Amino acid sequence: MERTEFREKVEQYENPLPLTVAVVDVDNFAEINQRLGREGGDDILESLAAVLADCLPDGAWLTRLGGDEFSAAFPGMRSEDVLLKVQRVHDRLSEAPLQTSAGPETVCVSIGIASFPAHAEQTAELLERADQALLSAKRQGRARSTIFVEEKMVLKSNYYPRAQLDRLAALAERTDRTEASILRQALGDYLEKNRDLL
């Protein structure tokens, strides 16, 4: 999908279901490009595009934003679900190097994820929020995926006793869900239960 069409589809999304965007960036691409030359760098990007297309679920929209940056949108999927899906990209890249004219090259990517309406009031804000999550992934050491978090948010350890956090982690592991999705569901259930007070 062309970049312009991708942006338009994201910004004009009107489905009541969530829309999640992931921005993918090759780690240390300038160094790779300098070492392999422009042709080798182009080979990396072409091979990565094929990996992304193969790993992402049916129905995802994929585009190259420019340079070494790609983006994918996932209609109807929440950020926690997308986080699990894009792990396949990291797994694939760690299992086998990408092929270039200069030979095989091991590549890592950082991925930033943001979802509407959880992280943005308008879908037009999604790419910006996903970019912020991408920068967070880079700051945390690269080769990882992160979900957008507002900087003003306080760590959950400031709110919950250690025993509850341990039980939450155990529940997340047993149900194959993220802790954030469990907390979000619990809050949603509580608000729905007390709807008459709102």
N, C-alpha and C. Protein backbone atom coordinates (compact mmCIF):
# COMPACT_ATOMS: atom_id res chain seq x y z
N MET A 1 0.84 -1.19 0.00
CA MET A 1 0.00 0.00 0.00
C MET A 1 0.88 1.24 0.00
N GLU A 2 0.51 2.24 -0.80
CA GLU A 2 1.27 3.49 -0.84
C GLU A 2 1.10 4.27 0.47
N ARG A 3 2.13 5.05 0.78
CA ARG A 3 2.12 5.80 2.04
C ARG A 3 0.92 6.73 2.17
N THR A 4 0.59 7.46 1.10
CA THR A 4 -0.53 8.40 1.14
C THR A 4 -1.84 7.67 1.39
N GLU A 5 -2.03 6.55 0.69
CA GLU A 5 -3.26 5.77 0.88
C GLU A 5 -3.34 5.24 2.30
N PHE A 6 -2.19 4.79 2.84
CA PHE A 6 -2.15 4.29 4.20
C PHE A 6 -2.60 5.36 5.19
N ARG A 7 -2.01 6.54 5.09
CA ARG A 7 -2.36 7.63 6.00
C ARG A 7 -3.85 7.98 5.90
N GLU A 8 -4.36 8.03 4.68
CA GLU A 8 -5.77 8.35 4.49
C GLU A 8 -6.66 7.29 5.13
N LYS A 9 -6.32 6.02 4.97
CA LYS A 9 -7.14 4.95 5.55
C LYS A 9 -7.13 5.03 7.08
N VAL A 10 -5.96 5.35 7.65
CA VAL A 10 -5.87 5.48 9.11
C VAL A 10 -6.69 6.67 9.57
N GLU A 11 -6.49 7.82 8.93
CA GLU A 11 -7.15 9.05 9.39
C GLU A 11 -8.65 9.04 9.16
N GLN A 12 -9.12 8.25 8.18
CA GLN A 12 -10.56 8.22 7.88
C GLN A 12 -11.25 7.00 8.46
N TYR A 13 -10.56 6.25 9.31
CA TYR A 13 -11.14 5.06 9.92
C TYR A 13 -12.33 5.45 10.80
N GLU A 14 -13.49 4.85 10.54
CA GLU A 14 -14.70 5.21 11.29
C GLU A 14 -15.37 4.01 11.94
N ASN A 15 -14.77 2.85 11.87
CA ASN A 15 -15.33 1.65 12.48
C ASN A 15 -15.35 1.80 14.00
N PRO A 16 -16.39 1.34 14.68
CA PRO A 16 -16.41 1.45 16.15
C PRO A 16 -15.37 0.57 16.83
N LEU A 17 -14.83 -0.42 16.11
CA LEU A 17 -13.79 -1.27 16.68
C LEU A 17 -12.48 -0.51 16.77
N PRO A 18 -11.56 -0.95 17.64
CA PRO A 18 -10.28 -0.24 17.76
C PRO A 18 -9.47 -0.30 16.47
N LEU A 19 -8.52 0.62 16.36
CA LEU A 19 -7.54 0.60 15.28
C LEU A 19 -6.17 0.81 15.92
N THR A 20 -5.26 -0.10 15.66
CA THR A 20 -3.92 0.00 16.24
C THR A 20 -2.90 0.16 15.12
N VAL A 21 -1.92 1.03 15.36
CA VAL A 21 -0.85 1.28 14.40
C VAL A 21 0.48 0.92 15.04
N ALA A 22 1.34 0.25 14.26
CA ALA A 22 2.69 -0.07 14.69
C ALA A 22 3.69 0.54 13.72
N VAL A 23 4.67 1.26 14.24
CA VAL A 23 5.74 1.84 13.43
C VAL A 23 6.99 1.01 13.66
N VAL A 24 7.60 0.55 12.57
CA VAL A 24 8.76 -0.35 12.62
C VAL A 24 9.98 0.37 12.06
N ASP A 25 11.08 0.35 12.80
CA ASP A 25 12.29 1.04 12.39
C ASP A 25 13.49 0.10 12.56
N VAL A 26 14.35 0.04 11.54
CA VAL A 26 15.54 -0.82 11.60
C VAL A 26 16.55 -0.19 12.56
N ASP A 27 17.02 -0.97 13.51
CA ASP A 27 18.02 -0.48 14.47
C ASP A 27 19.38 -0.31 13.78
N ASN A 28 20.01 0.83 14.03
CA ASN A 28 21.35 1.12 13.52
C ASN A 28 21.44 1.00 12.00
N PHE A 29 20.39 1.45 11.30
CA PHE A 29 20.37 1.29 9.85
C PHE A 29 21.46 2.12 9.17
N ALA A 30 21.76 3.32 9.69
CA ALA A 30 22.78 4.16 9.07
C ALA A 30 24.12 3.43 9.04
N GLU A 31 24.43 2.74 10.13
CA GLU A 31 25.68 1.97 10.21
C GLU A 31 25.67 0.81 9.21
N ILE A 32 24.53 0.11 9.13
CA ILE A 32 24.39 -1.01 8.19
C ILE A 32 24.53 -0.50 6.75
N ASN A 33 23.87 0.60 6.45
CA ASN A 33 23.89 1.18 5.11
C ASN A 33 25.30 1.60 4.72
N GLN A 34 26.02 2.16 5.68
CA GLN A 34 27.39 2.61 5.41
C GLN A 34 28.31 1.41 5.16
N ARG A 35 28.10 0.35 5.91
CA ARG A 35 28.95 -0.84 5.78
C ARG A 35 28.65 -1.64 4.51
N LEU A 36 27.36 -1.77 4.19
CA LEU A 36 26.97 -2.59 3.04
C LEU A 36 26.84 -1.80 1.75
N GLY A 37 26.76 -0.48 1.86
CA GLY A 37 26.53 0.34 0.68
C GLY A 37 25.04 0.47 0.42
N ARG A 38 24.71 1.36 -0.49
CA ARG A 38 23.30 1.65 -0.76
C ARG A 38 22.55 0.42 -1.27
N GLU A 39 23.19 -0.37 -2.13
CA GLU A 39 22.52 -1.55 -2.67
C GLU A 39 22.21 -2.55 -1.56
N GLY A 40 23.18 -2.76 -0.65
CA GLY A 40 22.96 -3.67 0.46
C GLY A 40 21.87 -3.17 1.39
N GLY A 41 21.83 -1.84 1.61
CA GLY A 41 20.77 -1.25 2.44
C GLY A 41 19.41 -1.45 1.81
N ASP A 42 19.33 -1.28 0.49
CA ASP A 42 18.07 -1.51 -0.21
C ASP A 42 17.63 -2.97 -0.10
N ASP A 43 18.60 -3.88 -0.17
CA ASP A 43 18.29 -5.31 -0.01
C ASP A 43 17.69 -5.58 1.36
N ILE A 44 18.26 -4.93 2.40
CA ILE A 44 17.74 -5.10 3.76
C ILE A 44 16.28 -4.66 3.82
N LEU A 45 15.98 -3.51 3.27
CA LEU A 45 14.62 -2.97 3.32
C LEU A 45 13.65 -3.85 2.54
N GLU A 46 14.08 -4.36 1.40
CA GLU A 46 13.23 -5.23 0.60
C GLU A 46 12.95 -6.54 1.34
N SER A 47 14.00 -7.11 1.95
CA SER A 47 13.82 -8.36 2.70
C SER A 47 12.95 -8.15 3.93
N LEU A 48 13.14 -7.01 4.61
CA LEU A 48 12.33 -6.71 5.79
C LEU A 48 10.86 -6.55 5.41
N ALA A 49 10.59 -5.89 4.30
CA ALA A 49 9.21 -5.73 3.84
C ALA A 49 8.55 -7.10 3.64
N ALA A 50 9.32 -8.05 3.09
CA ALA A 50 8.78 -9.40 2.88
C ALA A 50 8.51 -10.10 4.21
N VAL A 51 9.40 -9.92 5.18
CA VAL A 51 9.21 -10.51 6.51
C VAL A 51 7.96 -9.94 7.17
N LEU A 52 7.81 -8.62 7.10
CA LEU A 52 6.63 -7.98 7.70
C LEU A 52 5.35 -8.49 7.05
N ALA A 53 5.34 -8.54 5.72
CA ALA A 53 4.14 -9.00 5.02
C ALA A 53 3.80 -10.43 5.39
N ASP A 54 4.81 -11.24 5.62
CA ASP A 54 4.60 -12.66 5.95
C ASP A 54 4.16 -12.85 7.40
N CYS A 55 4.66 -12.00 8.30
CA CYS A 55 4.40 -12.19 9.73
C CYS A 55 3.10 -11.54 10.20
N LEU A 56 2.67 -10.50 9.52
CA LEU A 56 1.50 -9.77 10.00
C LEU A 56 0.22 -10.51 9.63
N PRO A 57 -0.82 -10.37 10.45
CA PRO A 57 -2.06 -11.11 10.19
C PRO A 57 -2.81 -10.58 8.97
N ASP A 58 -3.66 -11.43 8.42
CA ASP A 58 -4.51 -11.02 7.30
C ASP A 58 -5.34 -9.81 7.72
N GLY A 59 -5.51 -8.88 6.81
CA GLY A 59 -6.31 -7.69 7.11
C GLY A 59 -5.48 -6.51 7.58
N ALA A 60 -4.20 -6.73 7.91
CA ALA A 60 -3.34 -5.61 8.32
C ALA A 60 -2.95 -4.80 7.08
N TRP A 61 -2.80 -3.49 7.26
CA TRP A 61 -2.37 -2.62 6.17
C TRP A 61 -0.89 -2.32 6.40
N LEU A 62 -0.05 -2.48 5.39
CA LEU A 62 1.39 -2.28 5.52
C LEU A 62 1.87 -1.26 4.51
N THR A 63 2.75 -0.35 4.96
CA THR A 63 3.35 0.61 4.04
C THR A 63 4.76 0.93 4.51
N ARG A 64 5.55 1.43 3.59
CA ARG A 64 6.86 1.99 3.95
C ARG A 64 6.68 3.49 4.07
N LEU A 65 6.94 4.01 5.26
CA LEU A 65 6.74 5.44 5.51
C LEU A 65 7.84 6.27 4.86
N GLY A 66 9.02 5.68 4.74
CA GLY A 66 10.17 6.39 4.18
C GLY A 66 11.42 5.96 4.89
N GLY A 67 12.56 6.08 4.23
CA GLY A 67 13.82 5.65 4.83
C GLY A 67 13.74 4.19 5.23
N ASP A 68 14.09 3.92 6.48
CA ASP A 68 14.04 2.53 6.97
C ASP A 68 12.85 2.32 7.89
N GLU A 69 11.81 3.13 7.71
CA GLU A 69 10.65 3.07 8.59
C GLU A 69 9.42 2.55 7.85
N PHE A 70 8.78 1.54 8.46
CA PHE A 70 7.55 0.96 7.93
C PHE A 70 6.45 1.19 8.96
N SER A 71 5.21 1.07 8.51
CA SER A 71 4.09 1.14 9.44
C SER A 71 3.04 0.13 9.02
N ALA A 72 2.37 -0.41 10.02
CA ALA A 72 1.27 -1.35 9.78
C ALA A 72 0.09 -0.92 10.64
N ALA A 73 -1.10 -1.06 10.11
CA ALA A 73 -2.32 -0.76 10.85
C ALA A 73 -3.13 -2.04 10.97
N PHE A 74 -3.79 -2.19 12.11
CA PHE A 74 -4.52 -3.41 12.44
C PHE A 74 -5.95 -3.06 12.82
N PRO A 75 -6.86 -3.05 11.85
CA PRO A 75 -8.26 -2.74 12.15
C PRO A 75 -8.87 -3.78 13.08
N GLY A 76 -9.58 -3.30 14.10
CA GLY A 76 -10.28 -4.19 15.01
C GLY A 76 -9.41 -4.81 16.09
N MET A 77 -8.13 -4.45 16.16
CA MET A 77 -7.22 -5.06 17.14
C MET A 77 -6.75 -4.03 18.16
N ARG A 78 -6.67 -4.46 19.42
CA ARG A 78 -6.16 -3.61 20.51
C ARG A 78 -4.63 -3.68 20.54
N SER A 79 -4.02 -2.72 21.20
CA SER A 79 -2.55 -2.64 21.23
C SER A 79 -1.92 -3.88 21.85
N GLU A 80 -2.56 -4.45 22.89
CA GLU A 80 -1.98 -5.63 23.54
C GLU A 80 -1.96 -6.83 22.58
N ASP A 81 -3.02 -6.94 21.76
CA ASP A 81 -3.07 -8.03 20.78
C ASP A 81 -2.00 -7.84 19.71
N VAL A 82 -1.82 -6.60 19.27
CA VAL A 82 -0.81 -6.31 18.25
C VAL A 82 0.59 -6.56 18.80
N LEU A 83 0.80 -6.23 20.07
CA LEU A 83 2.10 -6.49 20.69
C LEU A 83 2.48 -7.97 20.57
N LEU A 84 1.51 -8.84 20.79
CA LEU A 84 1.76 -10.27 20.66
C LEU A 84 2.02 -10.66 19.20
N LYS A 85 1.29 -10.04 18.28
CA LYS A 85 1.44 -10.37 16.85
C LYS A 85 2.81 -9.94 16.32
N VAL A 86 3.26 -8.74 16.69
CA VAL A 86 4.53 -8.26 16.12
C VAL A 86 5.74 -8.97 16.75
N GLN A 87 5.52 -9.70 17.82
CA GLN A 87 6.62 -10.50 18.37
C GLN A 87 7.12 -11.50 17.33
N ARG A 88 6.23 -11.92 16.43
CA ARG A 88 6.62 -12.83 15.35
C ARG A 88 7.71 -12.22 14.48
N VAL A 89 7.67 -10.90 14.29
CA VAL A 89 8.69 -10.21 13.49
C VAL A 89 10.04 -10.32 14.18
N HIS A 90 10.08 -10.02 15.48
CA HIS A 90 11.33 -10.14 16.24
C HIS A 90 11.85 -11.57 16.20
N ASP A 91 10.94 -12.53 16.38
CA ASP A 91 11.35 -13.94 16.37
C ASP A 91 11.96 -14.33 15.03
N ARG A 92 11.30 -13.93 13.95
CA ARG A 92 11.78 -14.28 12.61
C ARG A 92 13.16 -13.68 12.35
N LEU A 93 13.34 -12.42 12.73
CA LEU A 93 14.63 -11.76 12.49
C LEU A 93 15.74 -12.37 13.33
N SER A 94 15.40 -12.88 14.51
CA SER A 94 16.43 -13.51 15.34
C SER A 94 16.75 -14.92 14.87
N GLU A 95 15.81 -15.55 14.16
CA GLU A 95 16.02 -16.92 13.68
C GLU A 95 16.89 -16.98 12.44
N ALA A 96 16.78 -16.00 11.57
CA ALA A 96 17.50 -16.07 10.29
C ALA A 96 17.90 -14.67 9.84
N PRO A 97 19.14 -14.50 9.35
CA PRO A 97 19.55 -13.19 8.84
C PRO A 97 18.84 -12.87 7.53
N LEU A 98 18.80 -11.59 7.20
CA LEU A 98 18.24 -11.17 5.92
C LEU A 98 19.31 -11.31 4.84
N GLN A 99 18.86 -11.62 3.63
CA GLN A 99 19.81 -11.81 2.53
C GLN A 99 20.05 -10.49 1.80
N THR A 100 21.32 -10.20 1.54
CA THR A 100 21.70 -9.01 0.78
C THR A 100 22.71 -9.42 -0.29
N SER A 101 22.98 -8.49 -1.20
CA SER A 101 23.98 -8.76 -2.25
C SER A 101 25.36 -8.96 -1.66
N ALA A 102 25.57 -8.43 -0.44
CA ALA A 102 26.87 -8.58 0.23
C ALA A 102 26.91 -9.80 1.15
N GLY A 103 25.81 -10.56 1.20
CA GLY A 103 25.75 -11.74 2.07
C GLY A 103 24.69 -11.57 3.14
N PRO A 104 24.50 -12.58 4.00
CA PRO A 104 23.47 -12.51 5.05
C PRO A 104 23.80 -11.45 6.08
N GLU A 105 22.77 -10.80 6.58
CA GLU A 105 22.94 -9.73 7.56
C GLU A 105 21.90 -9.87 8.67
N THR A 106 22.36 -9.95 9.91
CA THR A 106 21.45 -10.01 11.04
C THR A 106 20.94 -8.60 11.34
N VAL A 107 19.64 -8.48 11.44
CA VAL A 107 19.00 -7.17 11.62
C VAL A 107 18.02 -7.25 12.79
N CYS A 108 17.96 -6.16 13.55
CA CYS A 108 16.97 -6.02 14.62
C CYS A 108 16.11 -4.79 14.32
N VAL A 109 14.89 -4.80 14.82
CA VAL A 109 14.01 -3.65 14.65
C VAL A 109 13.43 -3.23 15.99
N SER A 110 13.07 -1.97 16.06
CA SER A 110 12.29 -1.45 17.19
C SER A 110 10.90 -1.13 16.66
N ILE A 111 9.88 -1.35 17.51
CA ILE A 111 8.50 -1.16 17.08
C ILE A 111 7.74 -0.37 18.14
N GLY A 112 7.05 0.67 17.69
CA GLY A 112 6.19 1.46 18.57
C GLY A 112 4.74 1.23 18.22
N ILE A 113 3.89 1.09 19.23
CA ILE A 113 2.49 0.72 19.03
C ILE A 113 1.57 1.71 19.73
N ALA A 114 0.51 2.13 19.03
CA ALA A 114 -0.51 2.99 19.63
C ALA A 114 -1.87 2.60 19.07
N SER A 115 -2.91 2.78 19.89
CA SER A 115 -4.25 2.32 19.51
C SER A 115 -5.28 3.42 19.70
N PHE A 116 -6.25 3.43 18.78
CA PHE A 116 -7.41 4.30 18.90
C PHE A 116 -8.59 3.44 19.36
N PRO A 117 -9.35 3.81 20.37
CA PRO A 117 -9.34 5.11 21.05
C PRO A 117 -8.51 5.14 22.34
N ALA A 118 -7.81 4.06 22.67
CA ALA A 118 -7.11 3.99 23.96
C ALA A 118 -6.05 5.07 24.12
N HIS A 119 -5.32 5.40 23.04
CA HIS A 119 -4.19 6.32 23.16
C HIS A 119 -4.35 7.61 22.38
N ALA A 120 -5.42 7.74 21.64
CA ALA A 120 -5.62 8.94 20.82
C ALA A 120 -7.10 9.24 20.69
N GLU A 121 -7.43 10.51 20.74
CA GLU A 121 -8.83 10.91 20.58
C GLU A 121 -9.25 10.87 19.12
N GLN A 122 -8.28 11.01 18.22
CA GLN A 122 -8.55 10.95 16.78
C GLN A 122 -7.54 10.02 16.14
N THR A 123 -7.97 9.32 15.09
CA THR A 123 -7.05 8.39 14.42
C THR A 123 -5.88 9.14 13.78
N ALA A 124 -6.07 10.42 13.47
CA ALA A 124 -4.98 11.20 12.87
C ALA A 124 -3.79 11.32 13.81
N GLU A 125 -4.01 11.10 15.11
CA GLU A 125 -2.92 11.20 16.10
C GLU A 125 -2.14 9.89 16.26
N LEU A 126 -2.64 8.82 15.64
CA LEU A 126 -2.07 7.50 15.91
C LEU A 126 -0.61 7.37 15.51
N LEU A 127 -0.25 7.84 14.32
CA LEU A 127 1.14 7.70 13.87
C LEU A 127 2.09 8.45 14.80
N GLU A 128 1.68 9.62 15.26
CA GLU A 128 2.51 10.40 16.18
C GLU A 128 2.70 9.64 17.50
N ARG A 129 1.61 9.06 18.03
CA ARG A 129 1.71 8.32 19.28
C ARG A 129 2.57 7.06 19.09
N ALA A 130 2.41 6.38 17.95
CA ALA A 130 3.23 5.20 17.68
C ALA A 130 4.70 5.58 17.55
N ASP A 131 4.98 6.76 16.96
CA ASP A 131 6.36 7.25 16.87
C ASP A 131 6.94 7.49 18.27
N GLN A 132 6.12 8.03 19.17
CA GLN A 132 6.60 8.26 20.53
C GLN A 132 6.92 6.93 21.22
N ALA A 133 6.06 5.92 20.97
CA ALA A 133 6.33 4.59 21.53
C ALA A 133 7.60 4.00 20.93
N LEU A 134 7.83 4.25 19.64
CA LEU A 134 9.05 3.78 18.98
C LEU A 134 10.29 4.39 19.63
N LEU A 135 10.25 5.69 19.90
CA LEU A 135 11.37 6.35 20.57
C LEU A 135 11.62 5.74 21.95
N SER A 136 10.54 5.38 22.63
CA SER A 136 10.68 4.72 23.92
C SER A 136 11.38 3.38 23.77
N ALA A 137 11.02 2.62 22.74
CA ALA A 137 11.69 1.33 22.49
C ALA A 137 13.17 1.53 22.22
N LYS A 138 13.51 2.57 21.48
CA LYS A 138 14.93 2.86 21.20
C LYS A 138 15.67 3.22 22.50
N ARG A 139 15.02 4.04 23.33
CA ARG A 139 15.66 4.45 24.59
C ARG A 139 15.86 3.26 25.53
N GLN A 140 14.97 2.28 25.45
CA GLN A 140 15.06 1.12 26.34
C GLN A 140 16.07 0.08 25.86
N GLY A 141 16.72 0.33 24.74
CA GLY A 141 17.78 -0.57 24.30
C GLY A 141 17.59 -1.19 22.93
N ARG A 142 16.55 -0.79 22.20
CA ARG A 142 16.29 -1.27 20.84
C ARG A 142 15.89 -2.75 20.83
N ALA A 143 15.60 -3.24 19.61
CA ALA A 143 15.23 -4.66 19.40
C ALA A 143 14.05 -5.07 20.29
N ARG A 144 13.05 -4.22 20.38
CA ARG A 144 11.89 -4.51 21.22
C ARG A 144 10.67 -3.74 20.71
N SER A 145 9.52 -4.10 21.24
CA SER A 145 8.28 -3.39 20.93
C SER A 145 7.75 -2.76 22.20
N THR A 146 7.21 -1.55 22.08
CA THR A 146 6.61 -0.90 23.23
C THR A 146 5.28 -0.28 22.83
N ILE A 147 4.37 -0.25 23.79
CA ILE A 147 3.06 0.38 23.60
C ILE A 147 3.13 1.80 24.16
N PHE A 148 2.48 2.72 23.48
CA PHE A 148 2.47 4.12 23.91
C PHE A 148 1.96 4.24 25.35
N VAL A 149 2.67 5.04 26.13
CA VAL A 149 2.27 5.35 27.50
C VAL A 149 2.44 6.84 27.69
N GLU A 150 1.39 7.49 28.17
CA GLU A 150 1.52 8.92 28.44
C GLU A 150 2.54 9.14 29.53
N GLU A 151 3.40 10.11 29.33
CA GLU A 151 4.48 10.34 30.28
C GLU A 151 3.98 10.72 31.66
N LYS A 152 2.78 11.29 31.73
CA LYS A 152 2.26 11.71 33.03
C LYS A 152 1.76 10.53 33.86
N MET A 153 1.66 9.33 33.24
CA MET A 153 1.17 8.17 33.98
C MET A 153 2.19 7.76 35.04
N VAL A 154 1.71 7.25 36.14
CA VAL A 154 2.55 6.81 37.25
C VAL A 154 2.64 5.29 37.21
N LEU A 155 3.80 4.76 37.52
CA LEU A 155 3.98 3.31 37.52
C LEU A 155 2.95 2.63 38.41
N LYS A 156 2.45 1.48 37.97
CA LYS A 156 1.41 0.79 38.74
C LYS A 156 1.91 0.37 40.12
N SER A 157 3.24 0.25 40.28
CA SER A 157 3.78 -0.14 41.59
C SER A 157 3.53 0.94 42.63
N ASN A 158 3.20 2.17 42.19
CA ASN A 158 2.88 3.23 43.15
C ASN A 158 1.47 3.09 43.69
N TYR A 159 0.64 2.27 43.01
CA TYR A 159 -0.76 2.13 43.39
C TYR A 159 -1.10 0.80 44.06
N TYR A 160 -0.37 -0.26 43.74
CA TYR A 160 -0.76 -1.60 44.17
C TYR A 160 0.31 -2.22 45.07
N PRO A 161 -0.11 -2.95 46.10
CA PRO A 161 0.86 -3.66 46.94
C PRO A 161 1.55 -4.78 46.14
N ARG A 162 2.72 -5.15 46.57
CA ARG A 162 3.53 -6.16 45.88
C ARG A 162 2.76 -7.48 45.70
N ALA A 163 2.02 -7.89 46.72
CA ALA A 163 1.28 -9.16 46.64
C ALA A 163 0.27 -9.13 45.49
N GLN A 164 -0.42 -8.01 45.32
CA GLN A 164 -1.39 -7.90 44.22
C GLN A 164 -0.69 -7.91 42.87
N LEU A 165 0.46 -7.25 42.78
CA LEU A 165 1.20 -7.23 41.52
C LEU A 165 1.68 -8.63 41.15
N ASP A 166 2.11 -9.41 42.15
CA ASP A 166 2.54 -10.78 41.89
C ASP A 166 1.38 -11.64 41.40
N ARG A 167 0.20 -11.45 42.01
CA ARG A 167 -0.99 -12.21 41.57
C ARG A 167 -1.41 -11.79 40.16
N LEU A 168 -1.30 -10.50 39.87
CA LEU A 168 -1.62 -10.01 38.53
C LEU A 168 -0.68 -10.62 37.49
N ALA A 169 0.60 -10.66 37.79
CA ALA A 169 1.58 -11.25 36.86
C ALA A 169 1.29 -12.73 36.63
N ALA A 170 0.93 -13.44 37.69
CA ALA A 170 0.62 -14.87 37.56
C ALA A 170 -0.63 -15.07 36.70
N LEU A 171 -1.65 -14.23 36.92
CA LEU A 171 -2.87 -14.34 36.13
C LEU A 171 -2.60 -14.05 34.66
N ALA A 172 -1.79 -13.04 34.39
CA ALA A 172 -1.45 -12.69 33.01
C ALA A 172 -0.75 -13.86 32.32
N GLU A 173 0.15 -14.50 33.03
CA GLU A 173 0.88 -15.64 32.45
C GLU A 173 -0.06 -16.82 32.18
N ARG A 174 -0.95 -17.10 33.12
CA ARG A 174 -1.85 -18.26 32.96
C ARG A 174 -2.91 -18.03 31.90
N THR A 175 -3.31 -16.78 31.68
CA THR A 175 -4.36 -16.49 30.69
C THR A 175 -3.79 -16.01 29.36
N ASP A 176 -2.45 -15.93 29.24
CA ASP A 176 -1.78 -15.50 28.02
C ASP A 176 -2.26 -14.10 27.60
N ARG A 177 -2.36 -13.22 28.60
CA ARG A 177 -2.74 -11.83 28.35
C ARG A 177 -1.70 -10.93 28.96
N THR A 178 -1.75 -9.64 28.61
CA THR A 178 -0.85 -8.69 29.25
C THR A 178 -1.50 -8.18 30.53
N GLU A 179 -0.67 -7.74 31.47
CA GLU A 179 -1.20 -7.18 32.72
C GLU A 179 -2.05 -5.94 32.43
N ALA A 180 -1.61 -5.13 31.45
CA ALA A 180 -2.36 -3.91 31.11
C ALA A 180 -3.76 -4.24 30.63
N SER A 181 -3.89 -5.30 29.82
CA SER A 181 -5.23 -5.63 29.30
C SER A 181 -6.15 -6.11 30.42
N ILE A 182 -5.59 -6.83 31.41
CA ILE A 182 -6.39 -7.28 32.55
C ILE A 182 -6.86 -6.09 33.38
N LEU A 183 -5.94 -5.15 33.64
CA LEU A 183 -6.30 -3.95 34.41
C LEU A 183 -7.32 -3.11 33.66
N ARG A 184 -7.16 -3.00 32.32
CA ARG A 184 -8.11 -2.23 31.53
C ARG A 184 -9.50 -2.86 31.59
N GLN A 185 -9.55 -4.19 31.50
CA GLN A 185 -10.85 -4.88 31.56
C GLN A 185 -11.49 -4.70 32.93
N ALA A 186 -10.68 -4.81 33.99
CA ALA A 186 -11.22 -4.65 35.35
C ALA A 186 -11.79 -3.25 35.54
N LEU A 187 -11.08 -2.23 35.03
CA LEU A 187 -11.57 -0.86 35.15
C LEU A 187 -12.86 -0.69 34.35
N GLY A 188 -12.89 -1.24 33.13
CA GLY A 188 -14.09 -1.16 32.31
C GLY A 188 -15.28 -1.81 32.99
N ASP A 189 -15.06 -3.00 33.58
CA ASP A 189 -16.13 -3.69 34.29
C ASP A 189 -16.63 -2.88 35.48
N TYR A 190 -15.70 -2.26 36.21
CA TYR A 190 -16.08 -1.46 37.38
C TYR A 190 -16.89 -0.23 36.97
N LEU A 191 -16.44 0.45 35.90
CA LEU A 191 -17.18 1.62 35.43
C LEU A 191 -18.58 1.24 34.93
N GLU A 192 -18.66 0.11 34.25
CA GLU A 192 -19.97 -0.34 33.75
C GLU A 192 -20.89 -0.68 34.92
N LYS A 193 -20.35 -1.32 35.95
CA LYS A 193 -21.12 -1.69 37.12
C LYS A 193 -21.68 -0.46 37.84
N ASN A 194 -20.92 0.65 37.78
CA ASN A 194 -21.34 1.88 38.48
C ASN A 194 -21.77 2.97 37.51
N ARG A 195 -22.29 2.54 36.37
CA ARG A 195 -22.71 3.49 35.33
C ARG A 195 -23.71 4.52 35.86
N ASP A 196 -24.60 4.13 36.73
CA ASP A 196 -25.64 5.05 37.22
C ASP A 196 -25.05 6.18 38.06
N LEU A 197 -23.81 6.04 38.53
CA LEU A 197 -23.18 7.08 39.31
C LEU A 197 -22.42 8.09 38.45
N LEU A 198 -22.26 7.77 37.18
CA LEU A 198 -21.44 8.61 36.29
C LEU A 198 -22.29 9.64 35.56
